Amino acid sequence: MEEVLALARRTLDACGLQDWEVDLDHARRRAGACHFGDKRISFSRYLLPLYDSAAAREVVLHEVAHAQVGPKVGHGKRWQQAVKALGGNAERTVSPDAPSLPAPWIGVCKAGHRIERFRTPTRVLACSKCSRYFKAENIFTWTYRGAPPRHHRAYLRELRKICANQ
C-alpha cells in the first residue's frame, strides 16, 4: 500500500497537483475514487492489496487523470487522453477477473438468482430477473456469512407488511 500511495503522490506532484491529498478508504467494491471537493484521491485499503502492481498502477493513473481533467469530464475523450499521457490504458474499470472481496450478505430468490451486499439490507428486495415488477414470491432470502441473519428492524417491519397484504 505504501508503494501505491507513494506512486500516487509522485504522479500528482508531476502533474502540478501538489495541493491534492492521497488517502486510503474503506471501499469494498471500487478500487479508487477522486474527491474533487476535497482535492483528494483515495484507494481501497481492502482491494488494492489484492491487485498485482500493474493493476494497482492503472488504478492510480485512472484517479490522477480524473484529478487532472476535472469533475465534469467523466470517462470521456479528455480523460482518456489524460490517462494515456500518464502511461495508462484508459480503461473505465478494473478487469472483470480482478480480485474482489466476498460480500457477507447473500440474497437468493426461489429461482436461484443471487445478489450480494456489503451492508445490512434494510429494505425488502425482490428478484428483478424473475419479474420486472415487485412480487412477493420473488423476495430474496438472505444469509449473513453463510448463516441465517438477524434482520434490521425496518426490514422486518416491511416484510410483515408485505406478508399481511398477501
Protein backbone atom coordinates (compact mmCIF):
# COMPACT_ATOMS: atom_id res chain seq x y z
CA MET A 1 0.00 0.00 0.00
CA GLU A 2 2.86 2.36 0.74
CA GLU A 3 4.09 1.92 -2.83
CA VAL A 4 0.65 2.77 -4.22
CA LEU A 5 0.37 5.89 -2.07
CA ALA A 6 3.92 6.95 -3.00
CA LEU A 7 3.21 6.44 -6.72
CA ALA A 8 0.01 8.48 -6.42
CA ARG A 9 1.85 11.28 -4.61
CA ARG A 10 4.67 11.35 -7.19
CA THR A 11 2.21 11.33 -10.09
CA LEU A 12 0.07 14.11 -8.62
CA ASP A 13 3.18 16.20 -7.99
CA ALA A 14 4.46 15.61 -11.54
CA CYS A 15 1.08 16.82 -12.85
CA GLY A 16 1.25 20.04 -10.83
CA LEU A 17 -1.36 18.84 -8.32
CA GLN A 18 0.72 19.30 -5.17
CA ASP A 19 -2.32 20.60 -3.28
CA TRP A 20 -4.13 17.28 -3.69
CA GLU A 21 -4.07 14.66 -0.94
CA VAL A 22 -3.74 10.88 -1.19
CA ASP A 23 -5.63 8.67 1.23
CA LEU A 24 -6.97 5.17 1.91
CA ASP A 25 -10.67 4.49 2.28
CA HIS A 26 -12.92 1.59 3.26
CA ALA A 27 -14.46 0.86 -0.16
CA ARG A 28 -15.08 -2.78 -0.93
CA ARG A 29 -16.44 -2.56 -4.48
CA ARG A 30 -14.32 0.16 -6.10
CA ALA A 31 -10.54 0.41 -6.08
CA GLY A 32 -10.18 4.18 -6.19
CA ALA A 33 -12.07 7.45 -6.10
CA CYS A 34 -11.46 11.09 -6.95
CA HIS A 35 -12.97 13.57 -4.49
CA PHE A 36 -12.88 16.90 -6.31
CA GLY A 37 -14.38 18.98 -3.50
CA ASP A 38 -11.69 17.82 -1.08
CA LYS A 39 -8.89 17.73 -3.67
CA ARG A 40 -8.20 14.16 -2.65
CA ILE A 41 -7.85 10.78 -4.32
CA SER A 42 -8.40 7.68 -2.26
CA PHE A 43 -7.80 3.98 -2.69
CA SER A 44 -9.46 0.95 -1.16
CA ARG A 45 -7.44 -0.42 1.74
CA TYR A 46 -9.15 -3.77 1.11
CA LEU A 47 -8.94 -4.17 -2.67
CA LEU A 48 -5.59 -2.66 -3.65
CA PRO A 49 -3.53 -5.21 -1.68
CA LEU A 50 -5.23 -7.94 -3.74
CA TYR A 51 -4.09 -6.44 -7.07
CA ASP A 52 -0.77 -7.00 -8.76
CA SER A 53 1.48 -3.96 -9.21
CA ALA A 54 0.36 -3.36 -12.83
CA ALA A 55 -3.35 -3.27 -11.89
CA ALA A 56 -2.65 -1.05 -8.86
CA ARG A 57 -0.69 1.33 -11.10
CA GLU A 58 -3.64 1.56 -13.51
CA VAL A 59 -5.96 2.49 -10.63
CA VAL A 60 -3.57 5.26 -9.57
CA LEU A 61 -3.29 6.65 -13.10
CA HIS A 62 -7.07 6.43 -13.51
CA GLU A 63 -7.70 8.59 -10.44
CA VAL A 64 -4.88 11.06 -11.11
CA ALA A 65 -6.29 11.61 -14.61
CA HIS A 66 -9.67 12.43 -13.05
CA ALA A 67 -7.97 14.96 -10.79
CA GLN A 68 -6.23 16.49 -13.80
CA VAL A 69 -9.24 16.93 -16.06
CA GLY A 70 -11.87 17.99 -13.52
CA PRO A 71 -15.25 16.85 -12.25
CA LYS A 72 -17.47 17.23 -15.30
CA VAL A 73 -15.37 15.17 -17.73
CA GLY A 74 -16.19 11.65 -16.55
CA HIS A 75 -14.55 8.93 -18.66
CA GLY A 76 -14.77 10.83 -21.94
CA LYS A 77 -12.15 11.58 -24.55
CA ARG A 78 -10.32 14.21 -22.45
CA TRP A 79 -9.99 11.82 -19.53
CA GLN A 80 -8.83 9.00 -21.82
CA GLN A 81 -6.16 11.27 -23.30
CA ALA A 82 -5.00 12.24 -19.80
CA VAL A 83 -4.68 8.60 -18.70
CA LYS A 84 -2.78 7.68 -21.85
CA ALA A 85 -0.45 10.67 -21.39
CA LEU A 86 0.34 9.30 -17.92
CA GLY A 87 1.12 5.89 -19.43
CA GLY A 88 -2.13 4.13 -18.57
CA ASN A 89 -4.55 2.14 -20.71
CA ALA A 90 -7.65 4.34 -20.15
CA GLU A 91 -9.99 1.53 -19.06
CA ARG A 92 -13.03 2.72 -17.15
CA THR A 93 -12.95 -0.14 -14.68
CA VAL A 94 -10.57 -2.80 -13.49
CA SER A 95 -10.60 -6.11 -15.30
CA PRO A 96 -13.67 -8.27 -14.55
CA ASP A 97 -11.33 -11.03 -13.40
CA ALA A 98 -9.56 -8.72 -10.92
CA PRO A 99 -9.67 -9.95 -7.33
CA SER A 100 -12.70 -8.91 -5.31
CA LEU A 101 -13.98 -9.32 -1.79
CA PRO A 102 -16.81 -11.71 -0.96
CA ALA A 103 -19.85 -9.87 0.32
CA PRO A 104 -21.15 -11.06 3.70
CA TRP A 105 -24.83 -10.68 2.73
CA ILE A 106 -26.09 -13.06 0.03
CA GLY A 107 -29.68 -12.91 -1.23
CA VAL A 108 -31.13 -15.83 -3.19
CA CYS A 109 -34.54 -15.90 -4.88
CA LYS A 110 -36.68 -19.01 -5.40
CA ALA A 111 -35.18 -19.45 -8.90
CA GLY A 112 -31.64 -19.40 -7.50
CA HIS A 113 -30.59 -15.92 -8.68
CA ARG A 114 -28.05 -14.34 -6.32
CA ILE A 115 -27.26 -10.81 -5.24
CA GLU A 116 -24.53 -9.70 -2.88
CA ARG A 117 -24.47 -6.83 -0.40
CA PHE A 118 -21.83 -5.47 1.94
CA ARG A 119 -24.38 -3.62 4.06
CA THR A 120 -27.31 -4.96 6.02
CA PRO A 121 -30.43 -4.96 3.82
CA THR A 122 -32.91 -2.51 5.30
CA ARG A 123 -35.48 -2.86 2.51
CA VAL A 124 -37.17 -5.98 1.22
CA LEU A 125 -35.91 -6.77 -2.26
CA ALA A 126 -37.43 -8.98 -4.93
CA CYS A 127 -35.56 -10.52 -7.83
CA SER A 128 -35.62 -8.33 -10.92
CA LYS A 129 -34.55 -11.26 -13.10
CA CYS A 130 -37.70 -13.16 -12.19
CA SER A 131 -40.04 -10.20 -12.75
CA ARG A 132 -39.71 -6.56 -13.80
CA TYR A 133 -42.21 -5.73 -11.06
CA PHE A 134 -42.00 -6.34 -7.33
CA LYS A 135 -43.67 -9.64 -6.49
CA ALA A 136 -43.72 -11.14 -3.01
CA GLU A 137 -42.98 -14.60 -4.38
CA ASN A 138 -39.63 -13.30 -5.70
CA ILE A 139 -38.37 -11.84 -2.41
CA PHE A 140 -34.76 -12.70 -1.67
CA THR A 141 -33.92 -14.95 1.25
CA TRP A 142 -30.78 -13.67 2.95
CA THR A 143 -27.79 -15.25 4.65
CA TYR A 144 -25.08 -13.41 6.51
CA ARG A 145 -21.67 -15.06 6.26
CA GLY A 146 -23.46 -18.29 5.35
CA ALA A 147 -25.87 -18.33 8.30
CA PRO A 148 -29.44 -17.11 8.79
CA PRO A 149 -29.24 -13.42 9.72
CA ARG A 150 -30.73 -11.14 12.30
CA HIS A 151 -32.53 -8.65 10.09
CA HIS A 152 -32.75 -4.90 10.59
CA ARG A 153 -35.96 -3.73 12.30
CA ALA A 154 -37.03 -1.73 9.24
CA TYR A 155 -36.59 -4.81 7.06
CA LEU A 156 -38.72 -6.98 9.36
CA ARG A 157 -41.42 -4.30 9.61
CA GLU A 158 -41.62 -4.03 5.82
CA LEU A 159 -41.64 -7.82 5.37
CA ARG A 160 -44.53 -8.18 7.87
CA LYS A 161 -46.48 -5.51 6.00
CA ILE A 162 -45.93 -7.28 2.65
CA CYS A 163 -46.95 -10.65 4.09
CA ALA A 164 -50.09 -9.16 5.71
CA ASN A 165 -51.20 -7.82 2.31
CA GLN A 166 -50.94 -11.24 0.64
